[in-house]
Amino acid sequence: MPAPKNIDGSSSVPAFYGKELRWKRERAGRTLQETVEGSFFAPSYLSEIERGTRRMPLELARHVDRFLETDGFFERRCEDVRKARQGAHAEYFAAIADSEKRARTIERWSNALIPGLLQTEAYARAVIRATHPLDLPEEVEAKVRARLQRAELFDNPKKPEYWVILHASLVRDPDPLLAPSEMAEQLVRIADLARSGRVVTQALPWNAATRPFTELSLMFMEFDDAPQLVYAEGPYHGQIIDDPALVKQYRKAYDRLRAAALSPEASLAMIDEAAEDFRNGKQRN
């Protein structure tokens, strides 16, 4: 077996944290497999944390502290790593932005806004300016760049599988955030991703299945080496839900929304038609 790659702990806070984790684990004479036993996480997950490429969830930090008898060291340092990886993202979203890169599947229900991974630059800037009107121009641009960089995960042709259900009003109704021509560009981006096979898109018309979720945007993530989670979000808050019973309940609700939505083919036709209408300046009531 080749020797583990040396970690430069001076390169970043996560790298320093990961190097310390590996040192303490090896000093205790424990393998990756032994260290994660009794948790919901895989050895590969812990290995990525040791290499500084993945953040450690609080529950895993507590497990490691108990197993390696490190007196709460890793739990206390979780906050430092979280801040270091946050960047321009909102504090409550930083862990999700990190998880997106490792998800096997991502499924979205979007009730009020086009999801960040699908947003054009114009749409992202308009949303950020509307929700954070006191941000300085440089703060706005940093947030726009961070949001657009998230979409680079679509450069991978295989992973993650991405499925989104959009409320039909996001596609067909005039959007006060954008000029019609910019809204047309936004819809064309979604259509292009759908045609490439990289994204599956469905539109959900207003109906009874929608009503309980009109206030809530949902994201589901599945991973190869970690439990499934649900992320619920509002304009200024987000909540990660990983309790298996609640995840299962939200999953059933999402499946009902998907069953009530238009087919991907019919949804793509709606998006194309709406983009053409916006391009030609037609307004819908």
C-alpha atoms as a PDB file:
ATOM      1  CA  MET A   1       0.000   0.000   0.000  1.00  0.00           C
ATOM      2  CA  PRO A   2       1.477   3.426  -0.913  1.00  0.00           C
ATOM      3  CA  ALA A   3       2.293   5.818   1.909  1.00  0.00           C
ATOM      4  CA  PRO A   4      -0.414   8.422   2.548  1.00  0.00           C
ATOM      5  CA  LYS A   5       0.144  11.718   0.795  1.00  0.00           C
ATOM      6  CA  ASN A   6       1.731  14.346   2.995  1.00  0.00           C
ATOM      7  CA  ILE A   7      -0.599  17.172   4.012  1.00  0.00           C
ATOM      8  CA  ASP A   8       0.613  20.764   4.080  1.00  0.00           C
ATOM      9  CA  GLY A   9      -1.085  21.971   7.236  1.00  0.00           C
ATOM     10  CA  SER A  10      -0.062  25.569   6.516  1.00  0.00           C
ATOM     11  CA  SER A  11      -2.077  25.768   3.291  1.00  0.00           C
ATOM     12  CA  SER A  12      -5.484  26.295   4.917  1.00  0.00           C
ATOM     13  CA  VAL A  13      -7.473  25.884   8.105  1.00  0.00           C
ATOM     14  CA  PRO A  14      -9.173  22.670   6.818  1.00  0.00           C
ATOM     15  CA  ALA A  15      -5.761  21.228   5.889  1.00  0.00           C
ATOM     16  CA  PHE A  16      -4.368  22.023   9.336  1.00  0.00           C
ATOM     17  CA  TYR A  17      -7.428  20.424  10.933  1.00  0.00           C
ATOM     18  CA  GLY A  18      -7.136  17.338   8.715  1.00  0.00           C
ATOM     19  CA  LYS A  19      -3.419  16.922   9.378  1.00  0.00           C
ATOM     20  CA  GLU A  20      -4.038  17.083  13.118  1.00  0.00           C
ATOM     21  CA  LEU A  21      -6.807  14.498  12.791  1.00  0.00           C
ATOM     22  CA  ARG A  22      -4.553  12.085  10.923  1.00  0.00           C
ATOM     23  CA  TRP A  23      -1.708  12.604  13.424  1.00  0.00           C
ATOM     24  CA  LYS A  24      -3.935  11.905  16.427  1.00  0.00           C
ATOM     25  CA  ARG A  25      -5.552   8.888  14.748  1.00  0.00           C
ATOM     26  CA  GLU A  26      -2.229   7.319  13.751  1.00  0.00           C
ATOM     27  CA  ARG A  27      -0.700   8.071  17.142  1.00  0.00           C
ATOM     28  CA  ALA A  28      -3.584   6.119  18.676  1.00  0.00           C
ATOM     29  CA  GLY A  29      -2.822   3.250  16.287  1.00  0.00           C
ATOM     30  CA  ARG A  30      -6.280   3.373  14.702  1.00  0.00           C
ATOM     31  CA  THR A  31      -7.241   2.827  11.071  1.00  0.00           C
ATOM     32  CA  LEU A  32      -9.813   4.915   9.212  1.00  0.00           C
ATOM     33  CA  GLN A  33     -12.250   1.998   9.382  1.00  0.00           C
ATOM     34  CA  GLU A  34     -11.838   1.589  13.120  1.00  0.00           C
ATOM     35  CA  THR A  35     -12.262   5.312  13.705  1.00  0.00           C
ATOM     36  CA  VAL A  36     -15.636   5.586  11.954  1.00  0.00           C
ATOM     37  CA  GLU A  37     -17.129   2.398  13.412  1.00  0.00           C
ATOM     38  CA  GLY A  38     -20.285   3.243  15.305  1.00  0.00           C
ATOM     39  CA  SER A  39     -20.960   6.329  13.173  1.00  0.00           C
ATOM     40  CA  PHE A  40     -22.952   6.727   9.959  1.00  0.00           C
ATOM     41  CA  PHE A  41     -19.864   7.739   7.969  1.00  0.00           C
ATOM     42  CA  ALA A  42     -17.531   5.795   5.699  1.00  0.00           C
ATOM     43  CA  PRO A  43     -13.721   5.591   5.950  1.00  0.00           C
ATOM     44  CA  SER A  44     -13.428   7.474   2.645  1.00  0.00           C
ATOM     45  CA  TYR A  45     -15.377  10.351   4.194  1.00  0.00           C
ATOM     46  CA  LEU A  46     -12.905  10.611   7.070  1.00  0.00           C
ATOM     47  CA  SER A  47      -9.989  10.326   4.632  1.00  0.00           C
ATOM     48  CA  GLU A  48     -11.220  13.381   2.719  1.00  0.00           C
ATOM     49  CA  ILE A  49     -11.446  15.330   5.974  1.00  0.00           C
ATOM     50  CA  GLU A  50      -7.849  14.375   6.765  1.00  0.00           C
ATOM     51  CA  ARG A  51      -6.780  15.659   3.347  1.00  0.00           C
ATOM     52  CA  GLY A  52      -8.523  18.981   3.995  1.00  0.00           C
ATOM     53  CA  THR A  53     -11.018  18.570   1.137  1.00  0.00           C
ATOM     54  CA  ARG A  54     -14.135  17.952   3.206  1.00  0.00           C
ATOM     55  CA  ARG A  55     -15.574  19.566   6.332  1.00  0.00           C
ATOM     56  CA  MET A  56     -16.255  17.464   9.388  1.00  0.00           C
ATOM     57  CA  PRO A  57     -19.885  17.405  10.561  1.00  0.00           C
ATOM     58  CA  LEU A  58     -20.340  18.201  14.221  1.00  0.00           C
ATOM     59  CA  GLU A  59     -21.718  14.742  15.003  1.00  0.00           C
ATOM     60  CA  LEU A  60     -18.649  13.075  13.469  1.00  0.00           C
ATOM     61  CA  ALA A  61     -16.317  15.439  15.336  1.00  0.00           C
ATOM     62  CA  ARG A  62     -17.972  14.410  18.595  1.00  0.00           C
ATOM     63  CA  HIS A  63     -17.668  10.739  17.652  1.00  0.00           C
ATOM     64  CA  VAL A  64     -13.955  11.140  16.857  1.00  0.00           C
ATOM     65  CA  ASP A  65     -13.346  12.998  20.117  1.00  0.00           C
ATOM     66  CA  ARG A  66     -14.933  10.148  22.063  1.00  0.00           C
ATOM     67  CA  PHE A  67     -13.132   7.430  20.109  1.00  0.00           C
ATOM     68  CA  LEU A  68      -9.673   9.033  20.152  1.00  0.00           C
ATOM     69  CA  GLU A  69     -10.164  10.575  23.609  1.00  0.00           C
ATOM     70  CA  THR A  70      -9.181  14.019  22.373  1.00  0.00           C
ATOM     71  CA  ASP A  71     -11.111  15.968  25.016  1.00  0.00           C
ATOM     72  CA  GLY A  72     -13.445  17.785  22.613  1.00  0.00           C
ATOM     73  CA  PHE A  73     -10.618  19.112  20.401  1.00  0.00           C
ATOM     74  CA  PHE A  74     -12.280  18.387  17.060  1.00  0.00           C
ATOM     75  CA  GLU A  75     -15.713  19.559  18.174  1.00  0.00           C
ATOM     76  CA  ARG A  76     -14.199  22.888  19.292  1.00  0.00           C
ATOM     77  CA  ARG A  77     -12.291  23.327  16.020  1.00  0.00           C
ATOM     78  CA  CYS A  78     -15.320  22.561  13.813  1.00  0.00           C
ATOM     79  CA  GLU A  79     -16.351  26.215  13.967  1.00  0.00           C
ATOM     80  CA  ASP A  80     -12.936  27.403  12.728  1.00  0.00           C
ATOM     81  CA  VAL A  81     -13.087  25.054   9.743  1.00  0.00           C
ATOM     82  CA  ARG A  82     -16.672  26.006   8.968  1.00  0.00           C
ATOM     83  CA  LYS A  83     -15.767  29.693   8.848  1.00  0.00           C
ATOM     84  CA  ALA A  84     -12.724  28.986   6.682  1.00  0.00           C
ATOM     85  CA  ARG A  85     -14.823  27.101   4.126  1.00  0.00           C
ATOM     86  CA  GLN A  86     -17.749  29.504   4.205  1.00  0.00           C
ATOM     87  CA  GLY A  87     -16.293  32.098   1.851  1.00  0.00           C
ATOM     88  CA  ALA A  88     -18.970  34.368   0.373  1.00  0.00           C
ATOM     89  CA  HIS A  89     -21.808  31.953   1.129  1.00  0.00           C
ATOM     90  CA  ALA A  90     -24.298  32.643   3.885  1.00  0.00           C
ATOM     91  CA  GLU A  91     -23.283  30.989   7.146  1.00  0.00           C
ATOM     92  CA  TYR A  92     -26.260  28.634   7.121  1.00  0.00           C
ATOM     93  CA  PHE A  93     -25.560  27.532   3.529  1.00  0.00           C
ATOM     94  CA  ALA A  94     -21.812  26.858   3.664  1.00  0.00           C
ATOM     95  CA  ALA A  95     -22.151  23.190   4.609  1.00  0.00           C
ATOM     96  CA  ILE A  96     -24.629  22.611   1.769  1.00  0.00           C
ATOM     97  CA  ALA A  97     -22.377  24.279  -0.812  1.00  0.00           C
ATOM     98  CA  ASP A  98     -19.621  21.932   0.331  1.00  0.00           C
ATOM     99  CA  SER A  99     -21.915  18.888   0.206  1.00  0.00           C
ATOM    100  CA  GLU A 100     -23.138  19.613  -3.327  1.00  0.00           C
ATOM    101  CA  LYS A 101     -19.689  18.739  -4.681  1.00  0.00           C
ATOM    102  CA  ARG A 102     -19.889  15.234  -3.213  1.00  0.00           C
ATOM    103  CA  ALA A 103     -23.537  14.374  -3.689  1.00  0.00           C
ATOM    104  CA  ARG A 104     -24.492  11.436  -5.875  1.00  0.00           C
ATOM    105  CA  THR A 105     -27.960  12.879  -6.461  1.00  0.00           C
ATOM    106  CA  ILE A 106     -29.495  16.296  -5.807  1.00  0.00           C
ATOM    107  CA  GLU A 107     -33.244  16.798  -6.022  1.00  0.00           C
ATOM    108  CA  ARG A 108     -34.921  20.187  -5.618  1.00  0.00           C
ATOM    109  CA  TRP A 109     -38.364  21.611  -5.099  1.00  0.00           C
ATOM    110  CA  SER A 110     -38.278  25.329  -5.868  1.00  0.00           C
ATOM    111  CA  ASN A 111     -41.340  27.284  -4.948  1.00  0.00           C
ATOM    112  CA  ALA A 112     -40.241  30.919  -5.239  1.00  0.00           C
ATOM    113  CA  LEU A 113     -36.859  31.228  -6.999  1.00  0.00           C
ATOM    114  CA  ILE A 114     -34.850  29.472  -9.676  1.00  0.00           C
ATOM    115  CA  PRO A 115     -32.333  27.281  -7.772  1.00  0.00           C
ATOM    116  CA  GLY A 116     -28.880  28.768  -7.336  1.00  0.00           C
ATOM    117  CA  LEU A 117     -27.163  26.050  -9.379  1.00  0.00           C
ATOM    118  CA  LEU A 118     -29.307  26.977 -12.398  1.00  0.00           C
ATOM    119  CA  GLN A 119     -29.161  30.758 -12.086  1.00  0.00           C
ATOM    120  CA  THR A 120     -27.619  33.006 -14.698  1.00  0.00           C
ATOM    121  CA  GLU A 121     -25.358  35.816 -13.574  1.00  0.00           C
ATOM    122  CA  ALA A 122     -28.138  38.392 -14.072  1.00  0.00           C
ATOM    123  CA  TYR A 123     -30.633  36.352 -12.034  1.00  0.00           C
ATOM    124  CA  ALA A 124     -28.150  35.697  -9.212  1.00  0.00           C
ATOM    125  CA  ARG A 125     -27.214  39.381  -8.996  1.00  0.00           C
ATOM    126  CA  ALA A 126     -30.866  40.451  -8.936  1.00  0.00           C
ATOM    127  CA  VAL A 127     -31.720  37.998  -6.142  1.00  0.00           C
ATOM    128  CA  ILE A 128     -28.727  39.040  -4.035  1.00  0.00           C
ATOM    129  CA  ARG A 129     -29.460  42.735  -4.472  1.00  0.00           C
ATOM    130  CA  ALA A 130     -33.106  42.200  -3.538  1.00  0.00           C
ATOM    131  CA  THR A 131     -32.380  40.147  -0.413  1.00  0.00           C
ATOM    132  CA  HIS A 132     -29.299  42.107   0.744  1.00  0.00           C
ATOM    133  CA  PRO A 133     -29.928  45.704  -0.367  1.00  0.00           C
ATOM    134  CA  LEU A 134     -27.247  47.148   1.949  1.00  0.00           C
ATOM    135  CA  ASP A 135     -24.410  45.003   0.590  1.00  0.00           C
ATOM    136  CA  LEU A 136     -21.527  46.927  -0.917  1.00  0.00           C
ATOM    137  CA  PRO A 137     -20.901  46.328  -4.661  1.00  0.00           C
ATOM    138  CA  GLU A 138     -17.838  44.193  -3.932  1.00  0.00           C
ATOM    139  CA  GLU A 139     -19.852  42.056  -1.510  1.00  0.00           C
ATOM    140  CA  VAL A 140     -22.541  41.524  -4.136  1.00  0.00           C
ATOM    141  CA  GLU A 141     -19.968  40.519  -6.742  1.00  0.00           C
ATOM    142  CA  ALA A 142     -18.284  38.078  -4.352  1.00  0.00           C
ATOM    143  CA  LYS A 143     -21.627  36.394  -3.678  1.00  0.00           C
ATOM    144  CA  VAL A 144     -22.441  36.259  -7.400  1.00  0.00           C
ATOM    145  CA  ARG A 145     -19.068  34.635  -8.163  1.00  0.00           C
ATOM    146  CA  ALA A 146     -19.540  32.091  -5.382  1.00  0.00           C
ATOM    147  CA  ARG A 147     -22.982  31.176  -6.693  1.00  0.00           C
ATOM    148  CA  LEU A 148     -21.805  30.775 -10.285  1.00  0.00           C
ATOM    149  CA  GLN A 149     -18.805  28.701  -9.189  1.00  0.00           C
ATOM    150  CA  ARG A 150     -21.163  26.208  -7.578  1.00  0.00           C
ATOM    151  CA  ALA A 151     -22.549  25.393 -11.026  1.00  0.00           C
ATOM    152  CA  GLU A 152     -19.121  24.132 -12.132  1.00  0.00           C
ATOM    153  CA  LEU A 153     -20.144  20.749 -10.755  1.00  0.00           C
ATOM    154  CA  PHE A 154     -22.171  20.336 -13.972  1.00  0.00           C
ATOM    155  CA  ASP A 155     -18.823  20.132 -15.800  1.00  0.00           C
ATOM    156  CA  ASN A 156     -18.725  16.548 -14.547  1.00  0.00           C
ATOM    157  CA  PRO A 157     -20.897  14.639 -17.045  1.00  0.00           C
ATOM    158  CA  LYS A 158     -21.822  11.917 -14.550  1.00  0.00           C
ATOM    159  CA  LYS A 159     -22.248  13.312 -11.064  1.00  0.00           C
ATOM    160  CA  PRO A 160     -24.376  14.512  -9.438  1.00  0.00           C
ATOM    161  CA  GLU A 161     -27.663  13.454 -10.958  1.00  0.00           C
ATOM    162  CA  TYR A 162     -29.770  16.613 -10.668  1.00  0.00           C
ATOM    163  CA  TRP A 163     -33.562  16.704 -10.672  1.00  0.00           C
ATOM    164  CA  VAL A 164     -35.567  19.872 -10.092  1.00  0.00           C
ATOM    165  CA  ILE A 165     -39.285  20.591  -9.771  1.00  0.00           C
ATOM    166  CA  LEU A 166     -40.066  24.244 -10.457  1.00  0.00           C
ATOM    167  CA  HIS A 167     -43.337  25.878  -9.590  1.00  0.00           C
ATOM    168  CA  ALA A 168     -44.828  26.763 -12.981  1.00  0.00           C
ATOM    169  CA  SER A 169     -45.138  30.417 -11.950  1.00  0.00           C
ATOM    170  CA  LEU A 170     -41.326  30.640 -12.009  1.00  0.00           C
ATOM    171  CA  VAL A 171     -41.416  29.734 -15.680  1.00  0.00           C
ATOM    172  CA  ARG A 172     -44.513  31.452 -17.038  1.00  0.00           C
ATOM    173  CA  ASP A 173     -45.185  34.543 -14.924  1.00  0.00           C
ATOM    174  CA  PRO A 174     -43.438  37.909 -15.380  1.00  0.00           C
ATOM    175  CA  ASP A 175     -40.573  38.256 -12.936  1.00  0.00           C
ATOM    176  CA  PRO A 176     -40.072  41.732 -11.418  1.00  0.00           C
ATOM    177  CA  LEU A 177     -36.430  40.872 -10.702  1.00  0.00           C
ATOM    178  CA  LEU A 178     -35.406  40.736 -14.364  1.00  0.00           C
ATOM    179  CA  ALA A 179     -36.045  42.405 -17.677  1.00  0.00           C
ATOM    180  CA  PRO A 180     -37.916  40.104 -20.109  1.00  0.00           C
ATOM    181  CA  SER A 181     -34.783  39.546 -22.212  1.00  0.00           C
ATOM    182  CA  GLU A 182     -32.807  38.478 -19.116  1.00  0.00           C
ATOM    183  CA  MET A 183     -35.609  36.164 -18.051  1.00  0.00           C
ATOM    184  CA  ALA A 184     -35.526  34.596 -21.502  1.00  0.00           C
ATOM    185  CA  GLU A 185     -31.786  33.949 -21.051  1.00  0.00           C
ATOM    186  CA  GLN A 186     -32.462  32.359 -17.674  1.00  0.00           C
ATOM    187  CA  LEU A 187     -35.018  29.973 -19.138  1.00  0.00           C
ATOM    188  CA  VAL A 188     -32.748  29.138 -22.065  1.00  0.00           C
ATOM    189  CA  ARG A 189     -30.022  28.131 -19.617  1.00  0.00           C
ATOM    190  CA  ILE A 190     -32.384  25.723 -17.890  1.00  0.00           C
ATOM    191  CA  ALA A 191     -33.569  24.346 -21.224  1.00  0.00           C
ATOM    192  CA  ASP A 192     -29.990  23.849 -22.436  1.00  0.00           C
ATOM    193  CA  LEU A 193     -29.082  21.890 -19.313  1.00  0.00           C
ATOM    194  CA  ALA A 194     -32.213  19.771 -19.704  1.00  0.00           C
ATOM    195  CA  ARG A 195     -31.473  19.029 -23.354  1.00  0.00           C
ATOM    196  CA  SER A 196     -27.912  18.069 -22.533  1.00  0.00           C
ATOM    197  CA  GLY A 197     -29.274  15.418 -20.191  1.00  0.00           C
ATOM    198  CA  ARG A 198     -27.409  16.980 -17.288  1.00  0.00           C
ATOM    199  CA  VAL A 199     -30.562  18.158 -15.515  1.00  0.00           C
ATOM    200  CA  VAL A 200     -34.094  16.752 -15.336  1.00  0.00           C
ATOM    201  CA  THR A 201     -36.672  19.519 -14.999  1.00  0.00           C
ATOM    202  CA  GLN A 202     -40.356  19.358 -14.213  1.00  0.00           C
ATOM    203  CA  ALA A 203     -42.863  22.189 -13.838  1.00  0.00           C
ATOM    204  CA  LEU A 204     -45.610  21.896 -11.246  1.00  0.00           C
ATOM    205  CA  PRO A 205     -48.798  23.877 -11.949  1.00  0.00           C
ATOM    206  CA  TRP A 206     -50.640  25.430  -9.027  1.00  0.00           C
ATOM    207  CA  ASN A 207     -52.699  22.694  -7.420  1.00  0.00           C
ATOM    208  CA  ALA A 208     -53.547  21.096  -4.104  1.00  0.00           C
ATOM    209  CA  ALA A 209     -50.272  19.157  -3.990  1.00  0.00           C
ATOM    210  CA  THR A 210     -48.364  22.446  -3.987  1.00  0.00           C
ATOM    211  CA  ARG A 211     -50.156  24.302  -1.228  1.00  0.00           C
ATOM    212  CA  PRO A 212     -48.475  22.818   1.882  1.00  0.00           C
ATOM    213  CA  PHE A 213     -45.051  23.659   0.394  1.00  0.00           C
ATOM    214  CA  THR A 214     -45.591  27.173  -0.945  1.00  0.00           C
ATOM    215  CA  GLU A 215     -43.450  28.632   1.865  1.00  0.00           C
ATOM    216  CA  LEU A 216     -40.664  26.077   1.712  1.00  0.00           C
ATOM    217  CA  SER A 217     -37.876  25.265  -0.718  1.00  0.00           C
ATOM    218  CA  LEU A 218     -36.488  21.742  -0.344  1.00  0.00           C
ATOM    219  CA  MET A 219     -33.271  20.047  -1.422  1.00  0.00           C
ATOM    220  CA  PHE A 220     -32.516  16.335  -1.078  1.00  0.00           C
ATOM    221  CA  MET A 221     -28.982  14.962  -1.259  1.00  0.00           C
ATOM    222  CA  GLU A 222     -27.771  11.380  -1.422  1.00  0.00           C
ATOM    223  CA  PHE A 223     -24.121  10.414  -1.010  1.00  0.00           C
ATOM    224  CA  ASP A 224     -21.982   7.348  -1.586  1.00  0.00           C
ATOM    225  CA  ASP A 225     -20.494   7.474   1.900  1.00  0.00           C
ATOM    226  CA  ALA A 226     -22.844   9.450   4.151  1.00  0.00           C
ATOM    227  CA  PRO A 227     -26.516   9.461   5.151  1.00  0.00           C
ATOM    228  CA  GLN A 228     -29.131  11.181   3.015  1.00  0.00           C
ATOM    229  CA  LEU A 229     -30.195  14.658   4.108  1.00  0.00           C
ATOM    230  CA  VAL A 230     -32.878  17.250   3.428  1.00  0.00           C
ATOM    231  CA  TYR A 231     -32.211  20.974   3.369  1.00  0.00           C
ATOM    232  CA  ALA A 232     -35.088  23.414   3.885  1.00  0.00           C
ATOM    233  CA  GLU A 233     -34.471  27.079   3.129  1.00  0.00           C
ATOM    234  CA  GLY A 234     -36.037  30.505   3.370  1.00  0.00           C
ATOM    235  CA  PRO A 235     -34.622  33.884   2.310  1.00  0.00           C
ATOM    236  CA  TYR A 236     -32.488  34.275   5.450  1.00  0.00           C
ATOM    237  CA  HIS A 237     -32.249  30.857   7.025  1.00  0.00           C
ATOM    238  CA  GLY A 238     -31.614  27.220   6.247  1.00  0.00           C
ATOM    239  CA  GLN A 239     -32.008  23.968   8.125  1.00  0.00           C
ATOM    240  CA  ILE A 240     -30.316  20.633   7.509  1.00  0.00           C
ATOM    241  CA  ILE A 241     -32.567  17.688   8.369  1.00  0.00           C
ATOM    242  CA  ASP A 242     -30.856  14.325   8.703  1.00  0.00           C
ATOM    243  CA  ASP A 243     -33.170  12.455  11.069  1.00  0.00           C
ATOM    244  CA  PRO A 244     -34.020   9.308   9.040  1.00  0.00           C
ATOM    245  CA  ALA A 245     -37.724   9.394   9.934  1.00  0.00           C
ATOM    246  CA  LEU A 246     -38.107  13.041   8.889  1.00  0.00           C
ATOM    247  CA  VAL A 247     -36.043  12.532   5.737  1.00  0.00           C
ATOM    248  CA  LYS A 248     -38.359   9.667   4.795  1.00  0.00           C
ATOM    249  CA  GLN A 249     -41.448  11.813   5.400  1.00  0.00           C
ATOM    250  CA  TYR A 250     -40.115  14.685   3.298  1.00  0.00           C
ATOM    251  CA  ARG A 251     -39.116  12.191   0.596  1.00  0.00           C
ATOM    252  CA  LYS A 252     -42.682  10.922   0.348  1.00  0.00           C
ATOM    253  CA  ALA A 253     -43.960  14.493   0.074  1.00  0.00           C
ATOM    254  CA  TYR A 254     -41.451  15.238  -2.684  1.00  0.00           C
ATOM    255  CA  ASP A 255     -42.495  12.125  -4.571  1.00  0.00           C
ATOM    256  CA  ARG A 256     -46.098  13.344  -4.464  1.00  0.00           C
ATOM    257  CA  LEU A 257     -45.036  16.699  -5.898  1.00  0.00           C
ATOM    258  CA  ARG A 258     -43.098  14.945  -8.655  1.00  0.00           C
ATOM    259  CA  ALA A 259     -46.091  12.758  -9.496  1.00  0.00           C
ATOM    260  CA  ALA A 260     -48.322  15.848  -9.786  1.00  0.00           C
ATOM    261  CA  ALA A 261     -45.860  17.754 -11.996  1.00  0.00           C
ATOM    262  CA  LEU A 262     -45.782  17.832 -15.777  1.00  0.00           C
ATOM    263  CA  SER A 263     -43.514  15.340 -17.505  1.00  0.00           C
ATOM    264  CA  PRO A 264     -39.954  16.472 -18.286  1.00  0.00           C
ATOM    265  CA  GLU A 265     -40.887  16.680 -21.979  1.00  0.00           C
ATOM    266  CA  ALA A 266     -43.995  18.797 -21.362  1.00  0.00           C
ATOM    267  CA  SER A 267     -42.063  20.938 -18.892  1.00  0.00           C
ATOM    268  CA  LEU A 268     -39.304  21.592 -21.422  1.00  0.00           C
ATOM    269  CA  ALA A 269     -41.930  22.629 -23.984  1.00  0.00           C
ATOM    270  CA  MET A 270     -43.385  25.070 -21.429  1.00  0.00           C
ATOM    271  CA  ILE A 271     -39.938  26.519 -20.730  1.00  0.00           C
ATOM    272  CA  ASP A 272     -39.231  26.946 -24.446  1.00  0.00           C
ATOM    273  CA  GLU A 273     -42.578  28.648 -25.013  1.00  0.00           C
ATOM    274  CA  ALA A 274     -42.113  30.968 -22.040  1.00  0.00           C
ATOM    275  CA  ALA A 275     -38.576  31.886 -23.149  1.00  0.00           C
ATOM    276  CA  GLU A 276     -39.892  32.808 -26.592  1.00  0.00           C
ATOM    277  CA  ASP A 277     -42.667  34.906 -25.049  1.00  0.00           C
ATOM    278  CA  PHE A 278     -40.210  36.798 -22.845  1.00  0.00           C
ATOM    279  CA  ARG A 279     -37.873  37.276 -25.788  1.00  0.00           C
ATOM    280  CA  ASN A 280     -40.725  38.800 -27.797  1.00  0.00           C
ATOM    281  CA  GLY A 281     -41.965  40.942 -24.932  1.00  0.00           C
ATOM    282  CA  LYS A 282     -45.229  39.104 -24.422  1.00  0.00           C
ATOM    283  CA  GLN A 283     -46.735  39.333 -20.936  1.00  0.00           C
ATOM    284  CA  ARG A 284     -48.892  36.750 -19.224  1.00  0.00           C
ATOM    285  CA  ASN A 285     -51.571  37.489 -16.669  1.00  0.00           C
END
